[in-house]
Each structure stands twice: as C-alpha cells, then as structure tokens.
Amino acid sequence: MLLFRSEEHVERWSEGQRTPIGATFTAQQGWRLATAWFHDRSSPDWHRRTPEEARTIFDEIGLTGSFWDLS
C-alpha cells in the first residue's frame, strides 16, 4: 500500500513509475476497512472472513470495482 496526498499525486507517480493505477481509497475508507476487518481478531470466536462477508464489508465502505471483486 502506498499513501498519496491527492488523485493528481497518484497519477504523477503512476506515470513516473510506468505503473498502472490499481485500486485507490481514502484514508477514511482505509480506517473503516481496518476497523471492520480486525475489530474481532482477538476474540476466541474469530473466523476467517468468507468471500460473502468480505464483499459486504467492501460494499458498506464503498470499495467497488474489479480489484475488490472476489468472485
């Protein structure tokens, strides 16, 4: 994961590195993803997320597109 200050910064970096832009998300979305994904990690009842559970989390946070498609 790389952190950038703006969409323009992402584009300049991508052009300079000759690397296509992958998925992007805001810091708020990253925080929401981490919170949703790991909030119960230390629980004895923890289980690995199913693809359906992951898809629900991604959808709730607004992470869409082919990068986030688990099918």
PDB file of N, CA and C in Angstrom:
ATOM      1  N   MET A   1       0.842  -1.156   0.000  1.00  0.00           N
ATOM      2  CA  MET A   1       0.000   0.000   0.000  1.00  0.00           C
ATOM      3  C   MET A   1       0.899   1.234   0.000  1.00  0.00           C
ATOM      4  N   LEU A   2       0.530   2.180  -0.832  1.00  0.00           N
ATOM      5  CA  LEU A   2       1.227   3.455  -0.907  1.00  0.00           C
ATOM      6  C   LEU A   2       0.257   4.562  -0.527  1.00  0.00           C
ATOM      7  N   LEU A   3       0.751   5.566   0.147  1.00  0.00           N
ATOM      8  CA  LEU A   3      -0.086   6.699   0.552  1.00  0.00           C
ATOM      9  C   LEU A   3       0.245   7.910  -0.305  1.00  0.00           C
ATOM     10  N   PHE A   4      -0.794   8.580  -0.776  1.00  0.00           N
ATOM     11  CA  PHE A   4      -0.648   9.770  -1.607  1.00  0.00           C
ATOM     12  C   PHE A   4      -1.540  10.872  -1.062  1.00  0.00           C
ATOM     13  N   ARG A   5      -1.192  12.115  -1.369  1.00  0.00           N
ATOM     14  CA  ARG A   5      -1.953  13.231  -0.838  1.00  0.00           C
ATOM     15  C   ARG A   5      -3.120  13.642  -1.730  1.00  0.00           C
ATOM     16  N   SER A   6      -3.135  13.182  -2.987  1.00  0.00           N
ATOM     17  CA  SER A   6      -4.214  13.573  -3.900  1.00  0.00           C
ATOM     18  C   SER A   6      -4.267  12.611  -5.081  1.00  0.00           C
ATOM     19  N   GLU A   7      -5.369  12.678  -5.814  1.00  0.00           N
ATOM     20  CA  GLU A   7      -5.506  11.881  -7.043  1.00  0.00           C
ATOM     21  C   GLU A   7      -4.431  12.282  -8.048  1.00  0.00           C
ATOM     22  N   GLU A   8      -4.137  13.587  -8.111  1.00  0.00           N
ATOM     23  CA  GLU A   8      -3.105  14.070  -9.032  1.00  0.00           C
ATOM     24  C   GLU A   8      -1.738  13.476  -8.680  1.00  0.00           C
ATOM     25  N   HIS A   9      -1.464  13.360  -7.394  1.00  0.00           N
ATOM     26  CA  HIS A   9      -0.203  12.772  -6.952  1.00  0.00           C
ATOM     27  C   HIS A   9      -0.127  11.303  -7.384  1.00  0.00           C
ATOM     28  N   VAL A  10      -1.225  10.596  -7.264  1.00  0.00           N
ATOM     29  CA  VAL A  10      -1.285   9.190  -7.709  1.00  0.00           C
ATOM     30  C   VAL A  10      -0.963   9.121  -9.199  1.00  0.00           C
ATOM     31  N   GLU A  11      -1.592   9.993  -9.975  1.00  0.00           N
ATOM     32  CA  GLU A  11      -1.383   9.973 -11.424  1.00  0.00           C
ATOM     33  C   GLU A  11       0.063  10.291 -11.792  1.00  0.00           C
ATOM     34  N   ARG A  12       0.661  11.290 -11.142  1.00  0.00           N
ATOM     35  CA  ARG A  12       2.063  11.636 -11.429  1.00  0.00           C
ATOM     36  C   ARG A  12       2.990  10.477 -11.074  1.00  0.00           C
ATOM     37  N   TRP A  13       2.753   9.865  -9.924  1.00  0.00           N
ATOM     38  CA  TRP A  13       3.582   8.729  -9.511  1.00  0.00           C
ATOM     39  C   TRP A  13       3.449   7.580 -10.512  1.00  0.00           C
ATOM     40  N   SER A  14       2.213   7.279 -10.895  1.00  0.00           N
ATOM     41  CA  SER A  14       1.953   6.189 -11.833  1.00  0.00           C
ATOM     42  C   SER A  14       2.664   6.431 -13.164  1.00  0.00           C
ATOM     43  N   GLU A  15       2.582   7.643 -13.668  1.00  0.00           N
ATOM     44  CA  GLU A  15       3.251   7.972 -14.928  1.00  0.00           C
ATOM     45  C   GLU A  15       4.770   7.864 -14.774  1.00  0.00           C
ATOM     46  N   GLY A  16       5.291   8.384 -13.673  1.00  0.00           N
ATOM     47  CA  GLY A  16       6.733   8.351 -13.444  1.00  0.00           C
ATOM     48  C   GLY A  16       7.278   6.944 -13.275  1.00  0.00           C
ATOM     49  N   GLN A  17       6.480   6.077 -12.694  1.00  0.00           N
ATOM     50  CA  GLN A  17       6.902   4.687 -12.470  1.00  0.00           C
ATOM     51  C   GLN A  17       6.526   3.768 -13.618  1.00  0.00           C
ATOM     52  N   ARG A  18       5.731   4.302 -14.549  1.00  0.00           N
ATOM     53  CA  ARG A  18       5.202   3.493 -15.664  1.00  0.00           C
ATOM     54  C   ARG A  18       4.468   2.272 -15.125  1.00  0.00           C
ATOM     55  N   THR A  19       3.649   2.552 -14.129  1.00  0.00           N
ATOM     56  CA  THR A  19       2.867   1.519 -13.446  1.00  0.00           C
ATOM     57  C   THR A  19       1.397   1.908 -13.505  1.00  0.00           C
ATOM     58  N   PRO A  20       0.519   0.989 -13.892  1.00  0.00           N
ATOM     59  CA  PRO A  20      -0.906   1.338 -13.919  1.00  0.00           C
ATOM     60  C   PRO A  20      -1.433   1.594 -12.507  1.00  0.00           C
ATOM     61  N   ILE A  21      -2.426   2.446 -12.426  1.00  0.00           N
ATOM     62  CA  ILE A  21      -3.059   2.741 -11.141  1.00  0.00           C
ATOM     63  C   ILE A  21      -3.951   1.572 -10.770  1.00  0.00           C
ATOM     64  N   GLY A  22      -3.768   1.055  -9.577  1.00  0.00           N
ATOM     65  CA  GLY A  22      -4.622  -0.021  -9.074  1.00  0.00           C
ATOM     66  C   GLY A  22      -5.812   0.584  -8.352  1.00  0.00           C
ATOM     67  N   ALA A  23      -6.246  -0.059  -7.305  1.00  0.00           N
ATOM     68  CA  ALA A  23      -7.365   0.445  -6.522  1.00  0.00           C
ATOM     69  C   ALA A  23      -6.892   1.580  -5.627  1.00  0.00           C
ATOM     70  N   THR A  24      -7.735   2.579  -5.472  1.00  0.00           N
ATOM     71  CA  THR A  24      -7.435   3.671  -4.547  1.00  0.00           C
ATOM     72  C   THR A  24      -8.600   3.814  -3.575  1.00  0.00           C
ATOM     73  N   PHE A  25      -8.272   4.306  -2.387  1.00  0.00           N
ATOM     74  CA  PHE A  25      -9.315   4.596  -1.417  1.00  0.00           C
ATOM     75  C   PHE A  25      -8.823   5.691  -0.493  1.00  0.00           C
ATOM     76  N   THR A  26      -9.753   6.333   0.167  1.00  0.00           N
ATOM     77  CA  THR A  26      -9.409   7.439   1.051  1.00  0.00           C
ATOM     78  C   THR A  26      -8.882   6.903   2.378  1.00  0.00           C
ATOM     79  N   ALA A  27      -8.258   7.787   3.144  1.00  0.00           N
ATOM     80  CA  ALA A  27      -7.788   7.407   4.482  1.00  0.00           C
ATOM     81  C   ALA A  27      -8.970   6.967   5.346  1.00  0.00           C
ATOM     82  N   GLN A  28     -10.101   7.642   5.204  1.00  0.00           N
ATOM     83  CA  GLN A  28     -11.290   7.261   5.970  1.00  0.00           C
ATOM     84  C   GLN A  28     -11.763   5.865   5.594  1.00  0.00           C
ATOM     85  N   GLN A  29     -11.749   5.541   4.315  1.00  0.00           N
ATOM     86  CA  GLN A  29     -12.134   4.194   3.893  1.00  0.00           C
ATOM     87  C   GLN A  29     -11.139   3.164   4.411  1.00  0.00           C
ATOM     88  N   GLY A  30      -9.860   3.500   4.411  1.00  0.00           N
ATOM     89  CA  GLY A  30      -8.850   2.593   4.945  1.00  0.00           C
ATOM     90  C   GLY A  30      -9.065   2.327   6.421  1.00  0.00           C
ATOM     91  N   TRP A  31      -9.393   3.383   7.167  1.00  0.00           N
ATOM     92  CA  TRP A  31      -9.658   3.222   8.593  1.00  0.00           C
ATOM     93  C   TRP A  31     -10.903   2.357   8.813  1.00  0.00           C
ATOM     94  N   ARG A  32     -11.945   2.623   8.040  1.00  0.00           N
ATOM     95  CA  ARG A  32     -13.177   1.828   8.170  1.00  0.00           C
ATOM     96  C   ARG A  32     -12.928   0.367   7.813  1.00  0.00           C
ATOM     97  N   LEU A  33     -12.125   0.125   6.783  1.00  0.00           N
ATOM     98  CA  LEU A  33     -11.800  -1.252   6.396  1.00  0.00           C
ATOM     99  C   LEU A  33     -11.040  -1.950   7.514  1.00  0.00           C
ATOM    100  N   ALA A  34     -10.015  -1.298   8.053  1.00  0.00           N
ATOM    101  CA  ALA A  34      -9.228  -1.905   9.135  1.00  0.00           C
ATOM    102  C   ALA A  34     -10.099  -2.181  10.353  1.00  0.00           C
ATOM    103  N   THR A  35     -10.952  -1.243  10.692  1.00  0.00           N
ATOM    104  CA  THR A  35     -11.829  -1.412  11.852  1.00  0.00           C
ATOM    105  C   THR A  35     -12.797  -2.578  11.644  1.00  0.00           C
ATOM    106  N   ALA A  36     -13.427  -2.613  10.481  1.00  0.00           N
ATOM    107  CA  ALA A  36     -14.383  -3.695  10.194  1.00  0.00           C
ATOM    108  C   ALA A  36     -13.686  -5.045  10.102  1.00  0.00           C
ATOM    109  N   TRP A  37     -12.502  -5.056   9.528  1.00  0.00           N
ATOM    110  CA  TRP A  37     -11.802  -6.312   9.273  1.00  0.00           C
ATOM    111  C   TRP A  37     -11.198  -6.910  10.542  1.00  0.00           C
ATOM    112  N   PHE A  38     -10.655  -6.058  11.412  1.00  0.00           N
ATOM    113  CA  PHE A  38      -9.884  -6.559  12.547  1.00  0.00           C
ATOM    114  C   PHE A  38     -10.527  -6.349  13.912  1.00  0.00           C
ATOM    115  N   HIS A  39     -11.738  -5.802  13.978  1.00  0.00           N
ATOM    116  CA  HIS A  39     -12.326  -5.474  15.288  1.00  0.00           C
ATOM    117  C   HIS A  39     -12.478  -6.686  16.207  1.00  0.00           C
ATOM    118  N   ASP A  40     -12.656  -7.854  15.651  1.00  0.00           N
ATOM    119  CA  ASP A  40     -12.884  -9.047  16.471  1.00  0.00           C
ATOM    120  C   ASP A  40     -11.734 -10.049  16.389  1.00  0.00           C
ATOM    121  N   ARG A  41     -10.590  -9.608  15.911  1.00  0.00           N
ATOM    122  CA  ARG A  41      -9.474 -10.526  15.647  1.00  0.00           C
ATOM    123  C   ARG A  41      -8.982 -11.252  16.895  1.00  0.00           C
ATOM    124  N   SER A  42      -9.062 -10.631  18.051  1.00  0.00           N
ATOM    125  CA  SER A  42      -8.566 -11.284  19.275  1.00  0.00           C
ATOM    126  C   SER A  42      -9.638 -12.110  19.987  1.00  0.00           C
ATOM    127  N   SER A  43     -10.817 -12.168  19.425  1.00  0.00           N
ATOM    128  CA  SER A  43     -11.904 -12.947  20.024  1.00  0.00           C
ATOM    129  C   SER A  43     -11.681 -14.439  19.801  1.00  0.00           C
ATOM    130  N   PRO A  44     -11.983 -15.266  20.800  1.00  0.00           N
ATOM    131  CA  PRO A  44     -11.868 -16.721  20.602  1.00  0.00           C
ATOM    132  C   PRO A  44     -12.811 -17.239  19.511  1.00  0.00           C
ATOM    133  N   ASP A  45     -13.866 -16.477  19.226  1.00  0.00           N
ATOM    134  CA  ASP A  45     -14.840 -16.875  18.204  1.00  0.00           C
ATOM    135  C   ASP A  45     -14.469 -16.373  16.803  1.00  0.00           C
ATOM    136  N   TRP A  46     -13.292 -15.742  16.672  1.00  0.00           N
ATOM    137  CA  TRP A  46     -12.897 -15.189  15.383  1.00  0.00           C
ATOM    138  C   TRP A  46     -12.823 -16.284  14.331  1.00  0.00           C
ATOM    139  N   HIS A  47     -13.215 -15.924  13.128  1.00  0.00           N
ATOM    140  CA  HIS A  47     -13.072 -16.833  11.987  1.00  0.00           C
ATOM    141  C   HIS A  47     -12.662 -16.016  10.765  1.00  0.00           C
ATOM    142  N   ARG A  48     -12.013 -16.674   9.857  1.00  0.00           N
ATOM    143  CA  ARG A  48     -11.615 -16.009   8.625  1.00  0.00           C
ATOM    144  C   ARG A  48     -12.857 -15.541   7.883  1.00  0.00           C
ATOM    145  N   ARG A  49     -12.796 -14.361   7.322  1.00  0.00           N
ATOM    146  CA  ARG A  49     -13.933 -13.816   6.575  1.00  0.00           C
ATOM    147  C   ARG A  49     -14.213 -14.668   5.340  1.00  0.00           C
ATOM    148  N   THR A  50     -15.466 -14.932   5.112  1.00  0.00           N
ATOM    149  CA  THR A  50     -15.861 -15.607   3.879  1.00  0.00           C
ATOM    150  C   THR A  50     -15.860 -14.570   2.758  1.00  0.00           C
ATOM    151  N   PRO A  51     -15.823 -15.015   1.512  1.00  0.00           N
ATOM    152  CA  PRO A  51     -15.913 -14.039   0.416  1.00  0.00           C
ATOM    153  C   PRO A  51     -17.181 -13.183   0.500  1.00  0.00           C
ATOM    154  N   GLU A  52     -18.275 -13.760   0.936  1.00  0.00           N
ATOM    155  CA  GLU A  52     -19.523 -13.006   1.063  1.00  0.00           C
ATOM    156  C   GLU A  52     -19.408 -11.944   2.159  1.00  0.00           C
ATOM    157  N   GLU A  53     -18.793 -12.308   3.290  1.00  0.00           N
ATOM    158  CA  GLU A  53     -18.595 -11.338   4.368  1.00  0.00           C
ATOM    159  C   GLU A  53     -17.666 -10.208   3.920  1.00  0.00           C
ATOM    160  N   ALA A  54     -16.617 -10.575   3.219  1.00  0.00           N
ATOM    161  CA  ALA A  54     -15.690  -9.560   2.715  1.00  0.00           C
ATOM    162  C   ALA A  54     -16.390  -8.633   1.740  1.00  0.00           C
ATOM    163  N   ARG A  55     -17.171  -9.181   0.840  1.00  0.00           N
ATOM    164  CA  ARG A  55     -17.902  -8.385  -0.143  1.00  0.00           C
ATOM    165  C   ARG A  55     -18.849  -7.414   0.551  1.00  0.00           C
ATOM    166  N   THR A  56     -19.512  -7.860   1.609  1.00  0.00           N
ATOM    167  CA  THR A  56     -20.411  -6.987   2.361  1.00  0.00           C
ATOM    168  C   THR A  56     -19.634  -5.824   2.970  1.00  0.00           C
ATOM    169  N   ILE A  57     -18.488  -6.122   3.570  1.00  0.00           N
ATOM    170  CA  ILE A  57     -17.656  -5.067   4.158  1.00  0.00           C
ATOM    171  C   ILE A  57     -17.221  -4.089   3.075  1.00  0.00           C
ATOM    172  N   PHE A  58     -16.719  -4.591   1.967  1.00  0.00           N
ATOM    173  CA  PHE A  58     -16.273  -3.720   0.878  1.00  0.00           C
ATOM    174  C   PHE A  58     -17.414  -2.834   0.393  1.00  0.00           C
ATOM    175  N   ASP A  59     -18.590  -3.420   0.198  1.00  0.00           N
ATOM    176  CA  ASP A  59     -19.743  -2.657  -0.282  1.00  0.00           C
ATOM    177  C   ASP A  59     -20.137  -1.558   0.701  1.00  0.00           C
ATOM    178  N   GLU A  60     -20.155  -1.887   1.994  1.00  0.00           N
ATOM    179  CA  GLU A  60     -20.540  -0.905   3.010  1.00  0.00           C
ATOM    180  C   GLU A  60     -19.582   0.282   3.040  1.00  0.00           C
ATOM    181  N   ILE A  61     -18.325   0.038   2.727  1.00  0.00           N
ATOM    182  CA  ILE A  61     -17.311   1.087   2.773  1.00  0.00           C
ATOM    183  C   ILE A  61     -17.239   1.845   1.448  1.00  0.00           C
ATOM    184  N   GLY A  62     -17.829   1.263   0.406  1.00  0.00           N
ATOM    185  CA  GLY A  62     -17.794   1.892  -0.908  1.00  0.00           C
ATOM    186  C   GLY A  62     -16.596   1.485  -1.745  1.00  0.00           C
ATOM    187  N   LEU A  63     -16.023   0.331  -1.430  1.00  0.00           N
ATOM    188  CA  LEU A  63     -14.897  -0.192  -2.198  1.00  0.00           C
ATOM    189  C   LEU A  63     -15.465  -1.052  -3.317  1.00  0.00           C
ATOM    190  N   THR A  64     -15.486  -0.496  -4.506  1.00  0.00           N
ATOM    191  CA  THR A  64     -16.103  -1.166  -5.647  1.00  0.00           C
ATOM    192  C   THR A  64     -15.101  -1.280  -6.787  1.00  0.00           C
ATOM    193  N   GLY A  65     -15.437  -2.022  -7.780  1.00  0.00           N
ATOM    194  CA  GLY A  65     -14.586  -2.193  -8.948  1.00  0.00           C
ATOM    195  C   GLY A  65     -13.971  -3.574  -8.978  1.00  0.00           C
ATOM    196  N   SER A  66     -13.295  -3.860 -10.073  1.00  0.00           N
ATOM    197  CA  SER A  66     -12.783  -5.211 -10.286  1.00  0.00           C
ATOM    198  C   SER A  66     -11.745  -5.624  -9.245  1.00  0.00           C
ATOM    199  N   PHE A  67     -10.973  -4.682  -8.696  1.00  0.00           N
ATOM    200  CA  PHE A  67      -9.972  -5.011  -7.690  1.00  0.00           C
ATOM    201  C   PHE A  67     -10.611  -5.663  -6.475  1.00  0.00           C
ATOM    202  N   TRP A  68     -11.797  -5.219  -6.104  1.00  0.00           N
ATOM    203  CA  TRP A  68     -12.469  -5.676  -4.897  1.00  0.00           C
ATOM    204  C   TRP A  68     -13.408  -6.842  -5.156  1.00  0.00           C
ATOM    205  N   ASP A  69     -13.496  -7.312  -6.393  1.00  0.00           N
ATOM    206  CA  ASP A  69     -14.367  -8.424  -6.743  1.00  0.00           C
ATOM    207  C   ASP A  69     -13.681  -9.741  -6.404  1.00  0.00           C
ATOM    208  N   LEU A  70     -14.282 -10.525  -5.537  1.00  0.00           N
ATOM    209  CA  LEU A  70     -13.680 -11.765  -5.068  1.00  0.00           C
ATOM    210  C   LEU A  70     -14.231 -13.011  -5.779  1.00  0.00           C
ATOM    211  N   SER A  71     -15.049 -12.803  -6.781  1.00  0.00           N
ATOM    212  CA  SER A  71     -15.620 -13.984  -7.453  1.00  0.00           C
ATOM    213  C   SER A  71     -14.710 -14.570  -8.480  1.00  0.00           C
TER     214      SER A  71
END
